[in-house]
Structure formats: C-alpha cells, structure tokens
C-alpha cells in the first residue's frame, strides 16, 4: 500500500505544482511515470490478492531500471519534475519495489517477455518525438547529437534491461527456492 500511496502522492503533487505547465500527453510519455503507475497498480492489487510472479517481476525490472537510469543518466538534468515527485518516483519507489521483491521473492519464467514493454516504449518515443518535436529524455533526443548517439545509449540501456531482467528472475527464483526449502525442512 505504501508504494501505491507514494506514487499517488507524487503524481498529485506534480500536477498541482506544475499547474498550467502540466501536459498530460508528455507526462504520460515518460518511462518513469509509466513504470511507477504500473508498480503502483501491482502493489495495490497485491494488497487484496496474489499477483502473478511474472507481473511482479516486470514491475521490479521497470522500477529498478528507472532508478538506475536516473542515477547514471539523468541525475542533475532538469526533466521538469518537482523535487518531491522526482525523489519519490526515481529513488524511493524503485528501492521499495526492489526490497519487497527480495523480502517476498517468487520463481519466474520467461523473463525476456518483460523486455517487450521497454522495446515498445522506445519505438513509441522515437516515432512520437519525431512527429511532435519533443522527447522525454535528453539521451533519446536525436536533435542534440544525432541518431548515432541515441542508438549507442539505447543499446547500453537495453543491455541494462537484459541483465536486470535476468537478475530479477534469477534472484527471485533462487531466493524463493531457498525459502521453500527452509520452510519444508524447518
């Protein structure tokens, strides 16, 4: 419930603080916003019933990537996000979601399916950006240094996604097996 409430508070705060500068089409074009909303819905559903390990794993992957990309590529760059929302959406919620996965791990399969959303997001962002002349992140904007730099950065981020997807699945599966073994022997 904490994840849901934090994301909700950050989103409301963001809309209120930005006021007339809030642009819904652009706002919902940030991977950060989409991944946080997904994680919030998964967390809220988890309060009332079990959520598929595949869905939980996807939320962990997207939030971990959000936190890491922010830390390594966006920290210190003005992405038009007020401080409280920035802190909650890029740091606090990614940490909470990852910790929750470590405390309640689950076995997952077919982790590569989780990569379909980031790939669709990349295509959407590049196509939409070329049409409307706005990109959510500087490293995805080819107007700065061309598509070559965008491609290199996207390959790097894709590698991070692949490694993290495998890690989330592997760690969740190993910890779940360990916990299951200790419960059956204890």
Protein backbone atom coordinates (compact mmCIF):
# COMPACT_ATOMS: atom_id res chain seq x y z
CA UNK A 1 0.00 0.00 0.00
CA UNK A 2 2.95 2.34 0.71
CA UNK A 3 4.12 2.14 -2.91
CA UNK A 4 0.65 2.95 -4.21
CA UNK A 5 0.22 5.89 -1.84
CA UNK A 6 3.69 7.28 -2.56
CA UNK A 7 3.16 7.17 -6.33
CA UNK A 8 -0.30 8.69 -5.97
CA UNK A 9 1.05 11.48 -3.76
CA UNK A 10 3.92 12.19 -6.17
CA UNK A 11 1.60 12.32 -9.16
CA UNK A 12 -0.90 14.62 -7.44
CA UNK A 13 1.94 16.81 -6.18
CA UNK A 14 3.40 17.01 -9.67
CA UNK A 15 0.10 18.03 -11.26
CA UNK A 16 -0.57 20.66 -8.58
CA UNK A 17 2.94 22.16 -8.63
CA UNK A 18 3.17 22.26 -12.44
CA UNK A 19 -0.32 23.74 -12.77
CA UNK A 20 -0.81 25.13 -16.28
CA UNK A 21 2.58 23.72 -17.35
CA UNK A 22 1.29 20.15 -16.85
CA UNK A 23 0.91 18.49 -20.25
CA UNK A 24 -0.76 15.07 -19.94
CA UNK A 25 0.41 13.74 -23.34
CA UNK A 26 4.03 14.50 -22.46
CA UNK A 27 3.68 13.46 -18.83
CA UNK A 28 2.44 10.00 -19.73
CA UNK A 29 5.26 9.66 -22.25
CA UNK A 30 7.90 9.31 -19.52
CA UNK A 31 9.04 5.77 -18.80
CA UNK A 32 9.39 6.84 -15.17
CA UNK A 33 5.69 7.73 -14.95
CA UNK A 34 4.52 4.61 -16.76
CA UNK A 35 6.70 2.27 -14.71
CA UNK A 36 5.67 3.91 -11.44
CA UNK A 37 1.98 3.74 -12.31
CA UNK A 38 2.38 0.07 -13.25
CA UNK A 39 4.22 -0.67 -9.99
CA UNK A 40 1.56 1.24 -8.02
CA UNK A 41 -1.28 -0.76 -9.57
CA UNK A 42 0.60 -4.04 -8.99
CA UNK A 43 1.24 -3.03 -5.37
CA UNK A 44 -2.38 -2.04 -4.81
CA UNK A 45 -3.65 -5.30 -6.32
CA UNK A 46 -1.18 -7.18 -4.11
CA UNK A 47 -2.87 -5.77 -1.02
CA UNK A 48 -6.11 -7.54 -1.96
CA UNK A 49 -4.98 -10.69 -3.76
CA UNK A 50 -1.96 -12.56 -5.06
CA UNK A 51 -0.39 -11.05 -8.15
CA UNK A 52 1.30 -13.21 -10.77
CA UNK A 53 5.07 -13.55 -10.20
CA UNK A 54 5.55 -12.60 -13.87
CA UNK A 55 3.69 -9.32 -13.36
CA UNK A 56 5.51 -8.57 -10.08
CA UNK A 57 8.86 -9.36 -11.73
CA UNK A 58 8.08 -6.99 -14.58
CA UNK A 59 7.28 -4.20 -12.09
CA UNK A 60 10.57 -4.86 -10.28
CA UNK A 61 12.50 -4.75 -13.56
CA UNK A 62 10.91 -1.49 -14.73
CA UNK A 63 11.38 0.20 -11.37
CA UNK A 64 14.97 -0.99 -10.94
CA UNK A 65 15.77 0.29 -14.42
CA UNK A 66 14.03 3.59 -13.63
CA UNK A 67 16.20 4.03 -10.56
CA UNK A 68 19.44 3.06 -12.30
CA UNK A 69 18.87 5.12 -15.46
CA UNK A 70 18.01 8.12 -13.32
CA UNK A 71 21.12 7.62 -11.17
CA UNK A 72 23.51 7.22 -14.10
CA UNK A 73 21.98 9.22 -16.97
CA UNK A 74 19.57 11.78 -15.57
CA UNK A 75 20.67 12.87 -12.12
CA UNK A 76 21.36 16.58 -12.22
CA UNK A 77 19.46 17.03 -15.51
CA UNK A 78 16.29 19.10 -15.34
CA UNK A 79 13.47 16.84 -16.54
CA UNK A 80 10.78 19.30 -15.36
CA UNK A 81 9.86 17.21 -12.32
CA UNK A 82 9.34 18.95 -8.96
CA UNK A 83 11.75 17.78 -6.23
CA UNK A 84 9.35 15.69 -4.13
CA UNK A 85 7.93 13.82 -7.13
CA UNK A 86 11.41 13.37 -8.58
CA UNK A 87 12.69 11.88 -5.33
CA UNK A 88 9.71 9.55 -4.88
CA UNK A 89 9.43 8.35 -8.49
CA UNK A 90 13.14 7.94 -9.22
CA UNK A 91 14.58 6.84 -5.88
CA UNK A 92 12.14 5.83 -3.13
CA UNK A 93 9.66 3.71 -5.09
CA UNK A 94 12.37 1.84 -7.06
CA UNK A 95 14.08 0.96 -3.77
CA UNK A 96 10.83 -0.11 -2.09
CA UNK A 97 9.79 -2.31 -5.02
CA UNK A 98 13.22 -3.99 -5.16
CA UNK A 99 13.30 -4.57 -1.39
CA UNK A 100 9.77 -6.01 -1.47
CA UNK A 101 10.91 -8.47 -4.17
CA UNK A 102 13.87 -9.53 -2.02
CA UNK A 103 11.63 -10.00 1.04
CA UNK A 104 8.89 -11.87 -0.84
CA UNK A 105 10.70 -13.46 -3.82
CA UNK A 106 8.97 -15.64 -6.38
CA UNK A 107 10.00 -18.01 -9.11
CA UNK A 108 9.59 -16.56 -12.59
CA UNK A 109 9.98 -17.86 -16.10
CA UNK A 110 10.32 -16.25 -19.49
CA UNK A 111 11.90 -13.05 -18.17
CA UNK A 112 12.63 -11.96 -21.74
CA UNK A 113 8.91 -11.25 -22.21
CA UNK A 114 9.38 -8.34 -19.78
CA UNK A 115 11.55 -6.67 -22.44
CA UNK A 116 8.61 -6.18 -24.82
CA UNK A 117 7.34 -3.12 -22.93
CA UNK A 118 10.66 -1.20 -22.96
CA UNK A 119 11.06 -2.03 -26.66
CA UNK A 120 7.55 -0.79 -27.46
CA UNK A 121 8.25 2.30 -25.35
CA UNK A 122 11.44 3.02 -27.32
CA UNK A 123 9.64 2.76 -30.67
CA UNK A 124 6.75 4.90 -29.39
CA UNK A 125 9.11 7.56 -28.03
CA UNK A 126 11.23 7.87 -31.16
CA UNK A 127 8.23 7.92 -33.50
CA UNK A 128 6.21 10.33 -31.36
CA UNK A 129 9.25 12.53 -30.77
CA UNK A 130 9.90 12.88 -34.48
CA UNK A 131 6.27 13.88 -35.02
CA UNK A 132 5.74 16.30 -32.12
CA UNK A 133 9.32 17.52 -31.70
CA UNK A 134 9.55 16.54 -28.01
CA UNK A 135 11.46 13.72 -26.34
CA UNK A 136 11.04 12.82 -22.67
CA UNK A 137 14.75 12.30 -22.02
CA UNK A 138 17.79 14.10 -23.41
CA UNK A 139 19.57 10.83 -24.23
CA UNK A 140 16.67 9.88 -26.53
CA UNK A 141 16.65 13.20 -28.41
CA UNK A 142 18.46 12.84 -31.76
CA UNK A 143 18.36 16.59 -32.36
CA UNK A 144 21.27 17.04 -29.94
CA UNK A 145 23.92 14.65 -31.28
CA UNK A 146 22.14 12.58 -33.90
CA UNK A 147 20.67 9.11 -34.04
CA UNK A 148 24.11 7.52 -33.60
CA UNK A 149 24.37 8.74 -30.01
CA UNK A 150 20.74 7.80 -29.35
CA UNK A 151 21.42 4.32 -30.71
CA UNK A 152 24.52 3.87 -28.54
CA UNK A 153 22.69 4.99 -25.41
CA UNK A 154 19.69 2.82 -26.22
CA UNK A 155 21.95 -0.21 -26.75
CA UNK A 156 23.51 0.48 -23.34
CA UNK A 157 20.09 0.84 -21.69
CA UNK A 158 18.90 -2.33 -23.49
CA UNK A 159 21.89 -4.20 -22.08
CA UNK A 160 20.97 -2.92 -18.61
CA UNK A 161 17.39 -4.11 -19.14
CA UNK A 162 18.54 -7.56 -20.26
CA UNK A 163 20.99 -8.01 -17.37
CA UNK A 164 18.47 -6.71 -14.83
CA UNK A 165 15.65 -8.86 -16.24
CA UNK A 166 17.80 -11.96 -15.91
CA UNK A 167 18.96 -10.88 -12.43
CA UNK A 168 15.42 -10.17 -11.16
CA UNK A 169 14.25 -13.57 -12.39
CA UNK A 170 17.31 -15.45 -11.15
CA UNK A 171 17.40 -13.80 -7.72
CA UNK A 172 13.65 -14.19 -7.24
CA UNK A 173 13.77 -17.85 -8.23
CA UNK A 174 16.84 -18.66 -6.09
CA UNK A 175 15.52 -16.86 -3.01
CA UNK A 176 12.08 -18.45 -3.42
CA UNK A 177 13.66 -21.91 -3.71
CA UNK A 178 15.81 -21.25 -0.65
CA UNK A 179 12.81 -20.05 1.34
CA UNK A 180 10.73 -23.00 0.23
CA UNK A 181 13.50 -25.44 1.19
CA UNK A 182 13.92 -23.87 4.62
CA UNK A 183 10.16 -23.97 5.26
CA UNK A 184 9.89 -27.62 4.28
CA UNK A 185 12.88 -28.58 6.45
CA UNK A 186 12.14 -26.34 9.39
